[in-house]
Amino acid sequence: IVDMIVIFKKEWSAYGAPVYGLLEGLFLGGISAMFNNLFKDKAPFLVVQAVLLTFGVVIAMLILYRTRIIKVTNTFRTVVISATMGIAIFYVLALVLRFFNIDIPFIHEGSTLGIVFSLVVGGIAALNVVLDFDMIERGAQAGAPKYMEWYAAFGLMVTIVWLYLEILRLLAKLNSRR
């Protein structure tokens, strides 16, 4: 709910972003504890690996963005946003199908297709980090209003959380194959 409020009322992001961060921290703590318990025998450091990989990917994306190895053009922006929307629609469809006891297997399986799916989704999440860096840089250059600093930080946080969850899911799939 807080997420949607901040998305549609950017002016409130100075208040909504910290609240979202606290709530998301509780949520991520619970999810991480669940994964930690599920994989404590097979991969006792699964959550630590996911956190470190997430930081590594974010830092790598920052370096690639700052050195302009990855340039954010209108085409790049369109492709990444389209792919992100496609993933969102796919996840919503999978959720609706689950209500009717229909599973799309590779989303949750450690099969080769499941791992490739997670790699693609994680790659799109990483490219969204670059879009967030670009939004921050363009906002600063344009002299955006103060609340946009909070909004940009909120957007980056949401993307990093998504990236972390995808990396966690990928590592869980890889470890479930053992």
N, C-alpha and C. Protein backbone atom coordinates (compact mmCIF):
# COMPACT_ATOMS: atom_id res chain seq x y z
N ILE A 1 0.83 -1.19 0.00
CA ILE A 1 0.00 0.00 0.00
C ILE A 1 0.87 1.25 0.00
N VAL A 2 1.90 1.24 0.85
CA VAL A 2 2.80 2.40 0.92
C VAL A 2 3.50 2.59 -0.42
N ASP A 3 3.88 1.49 -1.03
CA ASP A 3 4.52 1.52 -2.35
C ASP A 3 3.64 2.26 -3.35
N MET A 4 2.39 1.90 -3.42
CA MET A 4 1.47 2.51 -4.37
C MET A 4 1.23 3.99 -4.06
N ILE A 5 1.18 4.33 -2.79
CA ILE A 5 0.99 5.73 -2.41
C ILE A 5 2.16 6.56 -2.93
N VAL A 6 3.39 6.07 -2.70
CA VAL A 6 4.58 6.82 -3.12
C VAL A 6 4.64 6.91 -4.65
N ILE A 7 4.27 5.84 -5.33
CA ILE A 7 4.30 5.85 -6.79
C ILE A 7 3.35 6.92 -7.34
N PHE A 8 2.15 7.00 -6.78
CA PHE A 8 1.15 7.92 -7.33
C PHE A 8 1.17 9.31 -6.70
N LYS A 9 1.77 9.46 -5.54
CA LYS A 9 1.89 10.78 -4.89
C LYS A 9 3.37 11.03 -4.58
N LYS A 10 4.12 11.32 -5.62
CA LYS A 10 5.57 11.53 -5.49
C LYS A 10 5.91 12.57 -4.42
N GLU A 11 5.03 13.56 -4.25
CA GLU A 11 5.28 14.63 -3.29
C GLU A 11 5.35 14.10 -1.86
N TRP A 12 4.76 12.95 -1.61
CA TRP A 12 4.74 12.37 -0.27
C TRP A 12 5.91 11.41 -0.04
N SER A 13 6.81 11.30 -1.01
CA SER A 13 7.88 10.30 -0.92
C SER A 13 8.84 10.52 0.25
N ALA A 14 8.99 11.75 0.72
CA ALA A 14 9.87 11.99 1.87
C ALA A 14 9.34 11.29 3.12
N TYR A 15 8.04 11.06 3.17
CA TYR A 15 7.44 10.35 4.31
C TYR A 15 7.23 8.87 3.97
N GLY A 16 6.80 8.61 2.75
CA GLY A 16 6.48 7.24 2.36
C GLY A 16 7.69 6.35 2.17
N ALA A 17 8.78 6.91 1.62
CA ALA A 17 9.97 6.09 1.36
C ALA A 17 10.57 5.49 2.64
N PRO A 18 10.74 6.27 3.72
CA PRO A 18 11.26 5.64 4.95
C PRO A 18 10.31 4.60 5.54
N VAL A 19 9.00 4.86 5.47
CA VAL A 19 8.03 3.88 5.97
C VAL A 19 8.12 2.61 5.13
N TYR A 20 8.18 2.78 3.81
CA TYR A 20 8.32 1.63 2.92
C TYR A 20 9.61 0.87 3.24
N GLY A 21 10.69 1.60 3.46
CA GLY A 21 11.97 0.95 3.78
C GLY A 21 11.89 0.11 5.04
N LEU A 22 11.23 0.62 6.06
CA LEU A 22 11.07 -0.15 7.30
C LEU A 22 10.22 -1.39 7.08
N LEU A 23 9.10 -1.23 6.41
CA LEU A 23 8.21 -2.36 6.15
C LEU A 23 8.88 -3.40 5.25
N GLU A 24 9.59 -2.91 4.25
CA GLU A 24 10.30 -3.81 3.33
C GLU A 24 11.42 -4.55 4.07
N GLY A 25 12.07 -3.87 4.99
CA GLY A 25 13.10 -4.52 5.80
C GLY A 25 12.53 -5.67 6.62
N LEU A 26 11.37 -5.46 7.21
CA LEU A 26 10.71 -6.53 7.96
C LEU A 26 10.34 -7.70 7.04
N PHE A 27 9.79 -7.37 5.89
CA PHE A 27 9.41 -8.38 4.91
C PHE A 27 10.64 -9.17 4.45
N LEU A 28 11.71 -8.46 4.08
CA LEU A 28 12.92 -9.13 3.61
C LEU A 28 13.57 -9.96 4.71
N GLY A 29 13.49 -9.47 5.94
CA GLY A 29 14.02 -10.26 7.06
C GLY A 29 13.28 -11.57 7.19
N GLY A 30 11.96 -11.53 7.06
CA GLY A 30 11.16 -12.75 7.14
C GLY A 30 11.44 -13.70 5.99
N ILE A 31 11.49 -13.18 4.77
CA ILE A 31 11.78 -14.01 3.59
C ILE A 31 13.18 -14.61 3.71
N SER A 32 14.14 -13.79 4.12
CA SER A 32 15.51 -14.28 4.25
C SER A 32 15.61 -15.37 5.31
N ALA A 33 14.92 -15.19 6.43
CA ALA A 33 14.92 -16.21 7.48
C ALA A 33 14.30 -17.50 6.97
N MET A 34 13.23 -17.38 6.18
CA MET A 34 12.60 -18.57 5.61
C MET A 34 13.56 -19.32 4.69
N PHE A 35 14.23 -18.61 3.79
CA PHE A 35 15.19 -19.24 2.90
C PHE A 35 16.36 -19.82 3.69
N ASN A 36 16.79 -19.10 4.72
CA ASN A 36 17.89 -19.58 5.55
C ASN A 36 17.51 -20.91 6.21
N ASN A 37 16.29 -21.01 6.72
CA ASN A 37 15.84 -22.25 7.35
C ASN A 37 15.67 -23.37 6.33
N LEU A 38 15.15 -23.05 5.15
CA LEU A 38 14.95 -24.08 4.13
C LEU A 38 16.26 -24.67 3.62
N PHE A 39 17.31 -23.86 3.57
CA PHE A 39 18.57 -24.30 2.98
C PHE A 39 19.71 -24.36 3.99
N LYS A 40 19.38 -24.46 5.30
CA LYS A 40 20.45 -24.43 6.31
C LYS A 40 21.40 -25.62 6.19
N ASP A 41 20.92 -26.75 5.68
CA ASP A 41 21.79 -27.92 5.53
C ASP A 41 22.54 -27.91 4.20
N LYS A 42 21.87 -27.57 3.13
CA LYS A 42 22.48 -27.57 1.79
C LYS A 42 23.36 -26.35 1.54
N ALA A 43 22.89 -25.20 1.97
CA ALA A 43 23.60 -23.94 1.70
C ALA A 43 23.42 -23.00 2.89
N PRO A 44 24.22 -23.21 3.94
CA PRO A 44 24.02 -22.41 5.16
C PRO A 44 24.24 -20.91 4.99
N PHE A 45 24.93 -20.50 3.95
CA PHE A 45 25.21 -19.07 3.76
C PHE A 45 24.49 -18.52 2.53
N LEU A 46 23.35 -19.11 2.20
CA LEU A 46 22.60 -18.71 1.02
C LEU A 46 22.21 -17.23 1.06
N VAL A 47 21.70 -16.78 2.18
CA VAL A 47 21.26 -15.38 2.31
C VAL A 47 22.46 -14.44 2.23
N VAL A 48 23.55 -14.80 2.88
CA VAL A 48 24.76 -13.96 2.82
C VAL A 48 25.27 -13.87 1.38
N GLN A 49 25.25 -15.00 0.68
CA GLN A 49 25.66 -15.00 -0.72
C GLN A 49 24.75 -14.09 -1.55
N ALA A 50 23.45 -14.16 -1.31
CA ALA A 50 22.51 -13.32 -2.06
C ALA A 50 22.75 -11.84 -1.79
N VAL A 51 23.00 -11.49 -0.54
CA VAL A 51 23.27 -10.09 -0.19
C VAL A 51 24.54 -9.61 -0.88
N LEU A 52 25.61 -10.42 -0.78
CA LEU A 52 26.89 -10.03 -1.38
C LEU A 52 26.78 -9.93 -2.91
N LEU A 53 26.09 -10.89 -3.52
CA LEU A 53 25.89 -10.83 -4.97
C LEU A 53 25.07 -9.60 -5.37
N THR A 54 24.07 -9.27 -4.58
CA THR A 54 23.26 -8.09 -4.87
C THR A 54 24.12 -6.83 -4.83
N PHE A 55 24.92 -6.69 -3.77
CA PHE A 55 25.82 -5.53 -3.69
C PHE A 55 26.80 -5.52 -4.86
N GLY A 56 27.32 -6.70 -5.21
CA GLY A 56 28.25 -6.80 -6.33
C GLY A 56 27.63 -6.38 -7.64
N VAL A 57 26.41 -6.82 -7.89
CA VAL A 57 25.71 -6.46 -9.14
C VAL A 57 25.43 -4.96 -9.17
N VAL A 58 24.97 -4.40 -8.06
CA VAL A 58 24.67 -2.96 -8.02
C VAL A 58 25.94 -2.15 -8.26
N ILE A 59 27.03 -2.54 -7.63
CA ILE A 59 28.31 -1.83 -7.83
C ILE A 59 28.79 -1.98 -9.27
N ALA A 60 28.66 -3.18 -9.82
CA ALA A 60 29.06 -3.40 -11.22
C ALA A 60 28.21 -2.54 -12.16
N MET A 61 26.92 -2.47 -11.91
CA MET A 61 26.05 -1.65 -12.76
C MET A 61 26.40 -0.17 -12.63
N LEU A 62 26.75 0.26 -11.42
CA LEU A 62 27.16 1.65 -11.24
C LEU A 62 28.44 1.95 -12.03
N ILE A 63 29.39 1.04 -11.96
CA ILE A 63 30.64 1.23 -12.70
C ILE A 63 30.38 1.25 -14.21
N LEU A 64 29.56 0.30 -14.68
CA LEU A 64 29.23 0.26 -16.11
C LEU A 64 28.48 1.51 -16.55
N TYR A 65 27.65 2.04 -15.67
CA TYR A 65 26.90 3.26 -16.00
C TYR A 65 27.82 4.48 -15.98
N ARG A 66 28.61 4.62 -14.93
CA ARG A 66 29.47 5.81 -14.78
C ARG A 66 30.56 5.88 -15.86
N THR A 67 31.06 4.72 -16.29
CA THR A 67 32.08 4.71 -17.35
C THR A 67 31.45 4.76 -18.73
N ARG A 68 30.12 4.80 -18.76
CA ARG A 68 29.33 4.88 -20.00
C ARG A 68 29.53 3.65 -20.89
N ILE A 69 29.92 2.54 -20.30
CA ILE A 69 29.93 1.28 -21.05
C ILE A 69 28.49 0.91 -21.38
N ILE A 70 27.60 1.14 -20.42
CA ILE A 70 26.17 1.02 -20.67
C ILE A 70 25.62 2.44 -20.77
N LYS A 71 25.10 2.76 -21.94
CA LYS A 71 24.53 4.09 -22.18
C LYS A 71 23.01 3.97 -22.19
N VAL A 72 22.37 4.83 -21.45
CA VAL A 72 20.91 4.81 -21.40
C VAL A 72 20.38 5.70 -22.52
N THR A 73 19.93 5.04 -23.56
CA THR A 73 19.31 5.72 -24.70
C THR A 73 17.80 5.50 -24.61
N ASN A 74 17.06 6.15 -25.47
CA ASN A 74 15.61 5.93 -25.49
C ASN A 74 15.29 4.47 -25.84
N THR A 75 16.07 3.90 -26.75
CA THR A 75 15.86 2.50 -27.13
C THR A 75 16.13 1.58 -25.94
N PHE A 76 17.23 1.82 -25.24
CA PHE A 76 17.57 1.02 -24.06
C PHE A 76 16.45 1.11 -23.03
N ARG A 77 16.01 2.33 -22.78
CA ARG A 77 14.94 2.57 -21.80
C ARG A 77 13.66 1.82 -22.21
N THR A 78 13.30 1.91 -23.48
CA THR A 78 12.09 1.25 -23.97
C THR A 78 12.19 -0.26 -23.84
N VAL A 79 13.32 -0.83 -24.20
CA VAL A 79 13.50 -2.29 -24.13
C VAL A 79 13.43 -2.77 -22.68
N VAL A 80 14.13 -2.09 -21.78
CA VAL A 80 14.15 -2.52 -20.37
C VAL A 80 12.77 -2.37 -19.74
N ILE A 81 12.10 -1.25 -20.00
CA ILE A 81 10.76 -1.04 -19.43
C ILE A 81 9.78 -2.06 -20.00
N SER A 82 9.86 -2.34 -21.29
CA SER A 82 8.98 -3.34 -21.90
C SER A 82 9.22 -4.72 -21.32
N ALA A 83 10.48 -5.09 -21.16
CA ALA A 83 10.81 -6.40 -20.57
C ALA A 83 10.32 -6.47 -19.13
N THR A 84 10.46 -5.39 -18.39
CA THR A 84 10.00 -5.36 -17.00
C THR A 84 8.48 -5.51 -16.93
N MET A 85 7.79 -4.83 -17.81
CA MET A 85 6.33 -4.95 -17.83
C MET A 85 5.91 -6.37 -18.23
N GLY A 86 6.63 -6.97 -19.15
CA GLY A 86 6.35 -8.34 -19.55
C GLY A 86 6.52 -9.30 -18.38
N ILE A 87 7.57 -9.11 -17.61
CA ILE A 87 7.81 -9.95 -16.42
C ILE A 87 6.70 -9.73 -15.41
N ALA A 88 6.31 -8.49 -15.19
CA ALA A 88 5.24 -8.20 -14.22
C ALA A 88 3.93 -8.87 -14.65
N ILE A 89 3.60 -8.77 -15.92
CA ILE A 89 2.38 -9.41 -16.43
C ILE A 89 2.48 -10.92 -16.26
N PHE A 90 3.63 -11.49 -16.56
CA PHE A 90 3.83 -12.93 -16.43
C PHE A 90 3.66 -13.37 -14.98
N TYR A 91 4.24 -12.62 -14.04
CA TYR A 91 4.11 -12.96 -12.61
C TYR A 91 2.66 -12.84 -12.14
N VAL A 92 1.95 -11.81 -12.59
CA VAL A 92 0.54 -11.66 -12.21
C VAL A 92 -0.28 -12.82 -12.78
N LEU A 93 -0.02 -13.19 -14.04
CA LEU A 93 -0.70 -14.33 -14.65
C LEU A 93 -0.42 -15.61 -13.87
N ALA A 94 0.82 -15.82 -13.48
CA ALA A 94 1.18 -17.01 -12.70
C ALA A 94 0.46 -17.02 -11.35
N LEU A 95 0.32 -15.85 -10.75
CA LEU A 95 -0.38 -15.74 -9.47
C LEU A 95 -1.86 -16.09 -9.63
N VAL A 96 -2.48 -15.55 -10.67
CA VAL A 96 -3.90 -15.84 -10.93
C VAL A 96 -4.08 -17.33 -11.21
N LEU A 97 -3.21 -17.91 -12.01
CA LEU A 97 -3.31 -19.34 -12.31
C LEU A 97 -3.15 -20.20 -11.05
N ARG A 98 -2.35 -19.72 -10.12
CA ARG A 98 -2.16 -20.46 -8.87
C ARG A 98 -3.46 -20.56 -8.07
N PHE A 99 -4.33 -19.56 -8.20
CA PHE A 99 -5.63 -19.62 -7.53
C PHE A 99 -6.47 -20.78 -8.05
N PHE A 100 -6.18 -21.22 -9.27
CA PHE A 100 -6.89 -22.34 -9.87
C PHE A 100 -6.05 -23.62 -9.86
N ASN A 101 -5.06 -23.66 -8.96
CA ASN A 101 -4.16 -24.82 -8.80
C ASN A 101 -3.39 -25.16 -10.07
N ILE A 102 -3.07 -24.15 -10.85
CA ILE A 102 -2.26 -24.35 -12.05
C ILE A 102 -0.92 -23.65 -11.81
N ASP A 103 0.15 -24.44 -11.84
CA ASP A 103 1.49 -23.88 -11.64
C ASP A 103 2.23 -23.79 -12.96
N ILE A 104 2.98 -22.74 -13.12
CA ILE A 104 3.93 -22.65 -14.22
C ILE A 104 5.24 -23.15 -13.63
N PRO A 105 5.63 -24.37 -13.96
CA PRO A 105 6.69 -25.05 -13.22
C PRO A 105 8.04 -24.34 -13.18
N PHE A 106 8.51 -23.83 -14.29
CA PHE A 106 9.88 -23.32 -14.31
C PHE A 106 10.09 -22.07 -13.47
N ILE A 107 9.02 -21.43 -13.04
CA ILE A 107 9.18 -20.26 -12.17
C ILE A 107 9.79 -20.68 -10.84
N HIS A 108 9.40 -21.83 -10.35
CA HIS A 108 9.81 -22.26 -9.01
C HIS A 108 10.74 -23.47 -9.01
N GLU A 109 11.03 -24.04 -10.17
CA GLU A 109 11.84 -25.25 -10.24
C GLU A 109 13.31 -24.94 -10.43
N GLY A 110 14.14 -25.91 -10.04
CA GLY A 110 15.57 -25.80 -10.27
C GLY A 110 16.00 -26.42 -11.57
N SER A 111 15.06 -26.58 -12.52
CA SER A 111 15.39 -27.15 -13.83
C SER A 111 16.24 -26.14 -14.61
N THR A 112 16.80 -26.61 -15.71
CA THR A 112 17.60 -25.72 -16.54
C THR A 112 16.77 -24.53 -17.00
N LEU A 113 15.54 -24.79 -17.43
CA LEU A 113 14.65 -23.70 -17.87
C LEU A 113 14.36 -22.73 -16.72
N GLY A 114 14.17 -23.26 -15.51
CA GLY A 114 13.92 -22.42 -14.35
C GLY A 114 15.11 -21.53 -14.02
N ILE A 115 16.30 -22.08 -14.15
CA ILE A 115 17.51 -21.30 -13.86
C ILE A 115 17.72 -20.22 -14.93
N VAL A 116 17.50 -20.59 -16.19
CA VAL A 116 17.62 -19.60 -17.27
C VAL A 116 16.59 -18.48 -17.07
N PHE A 117 15.37 -18.85 -16.70
CA PHE A 117 14.33 -17.85 -16.43
C PHE A 117 14.80 -16.89 -15.32
N SER A 118 15.33 -17.43 -14.24
CA SER A 118 15.80 -16.58 -13.14
C SER A 118 16.97 -15.70 -13.56
N LEU A 119 17.86 -16.22 -14.40
CA LEU A 119 18.97 -15.40 -14.89
C LEU A 119 18.47 -14.24 -15.74
N VAL A 120 17.49 -14.51 -16.59
CA VAL A 120 16.94 -13.45 -17.45
C VAL A 120 16.25 -12.39 -16.59
N VAL A 121 15.42 -12.83 -15.65
CA VAL A 121 14.70 -11.88 -14.79
C VAL A 121 15.70 -11.08 -13.94
N GLY A 122 16.71 -11.76 -13.41
CA GLY A 122 17.75 -11.06 -12.65
C GLY A 122 18.51 -10.06 -13.51
N GLY A 123 18.76 -10.42 -14.76
CA GLY A 123 19.43 -9.50 -15.69
C GLY A 123 18.59 -8.26 -15.95
N ILE A 124 17.28 -8.45 -16.12
CA ILE A 124 16.39 -7.31 -16.33
C ILE A 124 16.35 -6.44 -15.07
N ALA A 125 16.34 -7.07 -13.90
CA ALA A 125 16.37 -6.30 -12.65
C ALA A 125 17.65 -5.48 -12.57
N ALA A 126 18.78 -6.07 -12.96
CA ALA A 126 20.06 -5.35 -12.94
C ALA A 126 20.03 -4.17 -13.91
N LEU A 127 19.44 -4.34 -15.06
CA LEU A 127 19.34 -3.23 -16.02
C LEU A 127 18.42 -2.14 -15.52
N ASN A 128 17.44 -2.49 -14.69
CA ASN A 128 16.59 -1.48 -14.07
C ASN A 128 17.37 -0.63 -13.08
N VAL A 129 18.40 -1.21 -12.46
CA VAL A 129 19.27 -0.42 -11.58
C VAL A 129 19.92 0.70 -12.39
N VAL A 130 20.35 0.38 -13.60
CA VAL A 130 20.95 1.39 -14.48
C VAL A 130 19.93 2.48 -14.80
N LEU A 131 18.68 2.09 -15.06
CA LEU A 131 17.64 3.11 -15.31
C LEU A 131 17.46 4.01 -14.09
N ASP A 132 17.54 3.43 -12.90
CA ASP A 132 17.43 4.25 -11.68
C ASP A 132 18.59 5.24 -11.58
N PHE A 133 19.80 4.79 -11.88
CA PHE A 133 20.96 5.70 -11.85
C PHE A 133 20.75 6.83 -12.85
N ASP A 134 20.23 6.50 -14.02
CA ASP A 134 19.99 7.52 -15.04
C ASP A 134 18.93 8.51 -14.59
N MET A 135 17.87 8.01 -13.95
CA MET A 135 16.82 8.91 -13.45
C MET A 135 17.39 9.86 -12.40
N ILE A 136 18.23 9.34 -11.53
CA ILE A 136 18.85 10.18 -10.50
C ILE A 136 19.73 11.25 -11.14
N GLU A 137 20.55 10.84 -12.10
CA GLU A 137 21.46 11.80 -12.74
C GLU A 137 20.69 12.86 -13.54
N ARG A 138 19.70 12.43 -14.30
CA ARG A 138 18.90 13.39 -15.08
C ARG A 138 18.12 14.33 -14.17
N GLY A 139 17.61 13.82 -13.06
CA GLY A 139 16.88 14.66 -12.11
C GLY A 139 17.78 15.71 -11.50
N ALA A 140 19.01 15.32 -11.16
CA ALA A 140 19.96 16.28 -10.57
C ALA A 140 20.33 17.35 -11.59
N GLN A 141 20.55 16.94 -12.85
CA GLN A 141 20.91 17.91 -13.89
C GLN A 141 19.77 18.88 -14.18
N ALA A 142 18.55 18.40 -14.07
CA ALA A 142 17.39 19.24 -14.37
C ALA A 142 16.95 20.10 -13.19
N GLY A 143 17.60 19.90 -12.04
CA GLY A 143 17.21 20.66 -10.85
C GLY A 143 15.83 20.27 -10.36
N ALA A 144 15.58 18.97 -10.33
CA ALA A 144 14.27 18.45 -9.90
C ALA A 144 13.95 18.91 -8.48
N PRO A 145 12.67 18.97 -8.13
CA PRO A 145 12.27 19.38 -6.77
C PRO A 145 12.85 18.44 -5.71
N LYS A 146 12.94 18.93 -4.50
CA LYS A 146 13.55 18.19 -3.39
C LYS A 146 12.90 16.82 -3.17
N TYR A 147 11.57 16.73 -3.29
CA TYR A 147 10.90 15.45 -3.05
C TYR A 147 11.34 14.38 -4.05
N MET A 148 11.85 14.80 -5.22
CA MET A 148 12.29 13.82 -6.21
C MET A 148 13.55 13.07 -5.75
N GLU A 149 14.33 13.66 -4.85
CA GLU A 149 15.47 12.93 -4.27
C GLU A 149 14.96 11.72 -3.52
N TRP A 150 13.91 11.92 -2.74
CA TRP A 150 13.32 10.82 -1.99
C TRP A 150 12.69 9.80 -2.93
N TYR A 151 12.04 10.31 -3.96
CA TYR A 151 11.38 9.43 -4.91
C TYR A 151 12.42 8.57 -5.67
N ALA A 152 13.52 9.19 -6.07
CA ALA A 152 14.58 8.46 -6.77
C ALA A 152 15.21 7.41 -5.86
N ALA A 153 15.44 7.77 -4.60
CA ALA A 153 15.99 6.81 -3.64
C ALA A 153 15.02 5.66 -3.42
N PHE A 154 13.73 5.99 -3.35
CA PHE A 154 12.70 4.97 -3.21
C PHE A 154 12.72 4.01 -4.41
N GLY A 155 12.79 4.57 -5.61
CA GLY A 155 12.83 3.74 -6.82
C GLY A 155 14.04 2.82 -6.84
N LEU A 156 15.19 3.35 -6.46
CA LEU A 156 16.41 2.54 -6.42
C LEU A 156 16.27 1.42 -5.38
N MET A 157 15.68 1.75 -4.23
CA MET A 157 15.48 0.75 -3.18
C MET A 157 14.56 -0.37 -3.66
N VAL A 158 13.48 -0.02 -4.32
CA VAL A 158 12.54 -1.02 -4.83
C VAL A 158 13.26 -1.95 -5.83
N THR A 159 14.06 -1.37 -6.70
CA THR A 159 14.78 -2.17 -7.69
C THR A 159 15.81 -3.08 -7.05
N ILE A 160 16.53 -2.57 -6.06
CA ILE A 160 17.54 -3.40 -5.39
C ILE A 160 16.87 -4.54 -4.62
N VAL A 161 15.72 -4.28 -4.03
CA VAL A 161 14.98 -5.35 -3.34
C VAL A 161 14.56 -6.41 -4.34
N TRP A 162 14.05 -5.99 -5.49
CA TRP A 162 13.66 -6.95 -6.53
C TRP A 162 14.88 -7.77 -6.97
N LEU A 163 16.01 -7.10 -7.20
CA LEU A 163 17.23 -7.79 -7.60
C LEU A 163 17.64 -8.81 -6.54
N TYR A 164 17.60 -8.42 -5.27
CA TYR A 164 17.96 -9.33 -4.18
C TYR A 164 17.05 -10.56 -4.17
N LEU A 165 15.76 -10.35 -4.31
CA LEU A 165 14.82 -11.48 -4.30
C LEU A 165 15.06 -12.42 -5.48
N GLU A 166 15.38 -11.87 -6.64
CA GLU A 166 15.66 -12.71 -7.81
C GLU A 166 16.95 -13.48 -7.62
N ILE A 167 17.96 -12.85 -7.06
CA ILE A 167 19.22 -13.55 -6.79
C ILE A 167 19.00 -14.64 -5.75
N LEU A 168 18.24 -14.34 -4.72
CA LEU A 168 17.93 -15.33 -3.68
C LEU A 168 17.20 -16.52 -4.30
N ARG A 169 16.24 -16.25 -5.15
CA ARG A 169 15.49 -17.31 -5.83
C ARG A 169 16.41 -18.14 -6.73
N LEU A 170 17.30 -17.48 -7.46
CA LEU A 170 18.25 -18.19 -8.33
C LEU A 170 19.16 -19.10 -7.51
N LEU A 171 19.71 -18.58 -6.42
CA LEU A 171 20.59 -19.39 -5.58
C LEU A 171 19.83 -20.58 -4.98
N ALA A 172 18.58 -20.36 -4.60
CA ALA A 172 17.76 -21.45 -4.06
C ALA A 172 17.55 -22.52 -5.12
N LYS A 173 17.28 -22.11 -6.35
CA LYS A 173 17.10 -23.08 -7.44
C LYS A 173 18.38 -23.86 -7.67
N LEU A 174 19.49 -23.17 -7.71
CA LEU A 174 20.77 -23.85 -7.93
C LEU A 174 21.06 -24.85 -6.81
N ASN A 175 20.76 -24.47 -5.59
CA ASN A 175 21.04 -25.36 -4.44
C ASN A 175 20.02 -26.48 -4.32
N SER A 176 18.85 -26.33 -4.90
CA SER A 176 17.85 -27.39 -4.84
C SER A 176 18.21 -28.54 -5.79
N ARG A 177 19.12 -28.29 -6.70
CA ARG A 177 19.57 -29.32 -7.65
C ARG A 177 20.55 -30.29 -7.02
N ARG A 178 21.10 -29.96 -5.88
CA ARG A 178 22.11 -30.82 -5.25
C ARG A 178 21.50 -32.05 -4.66
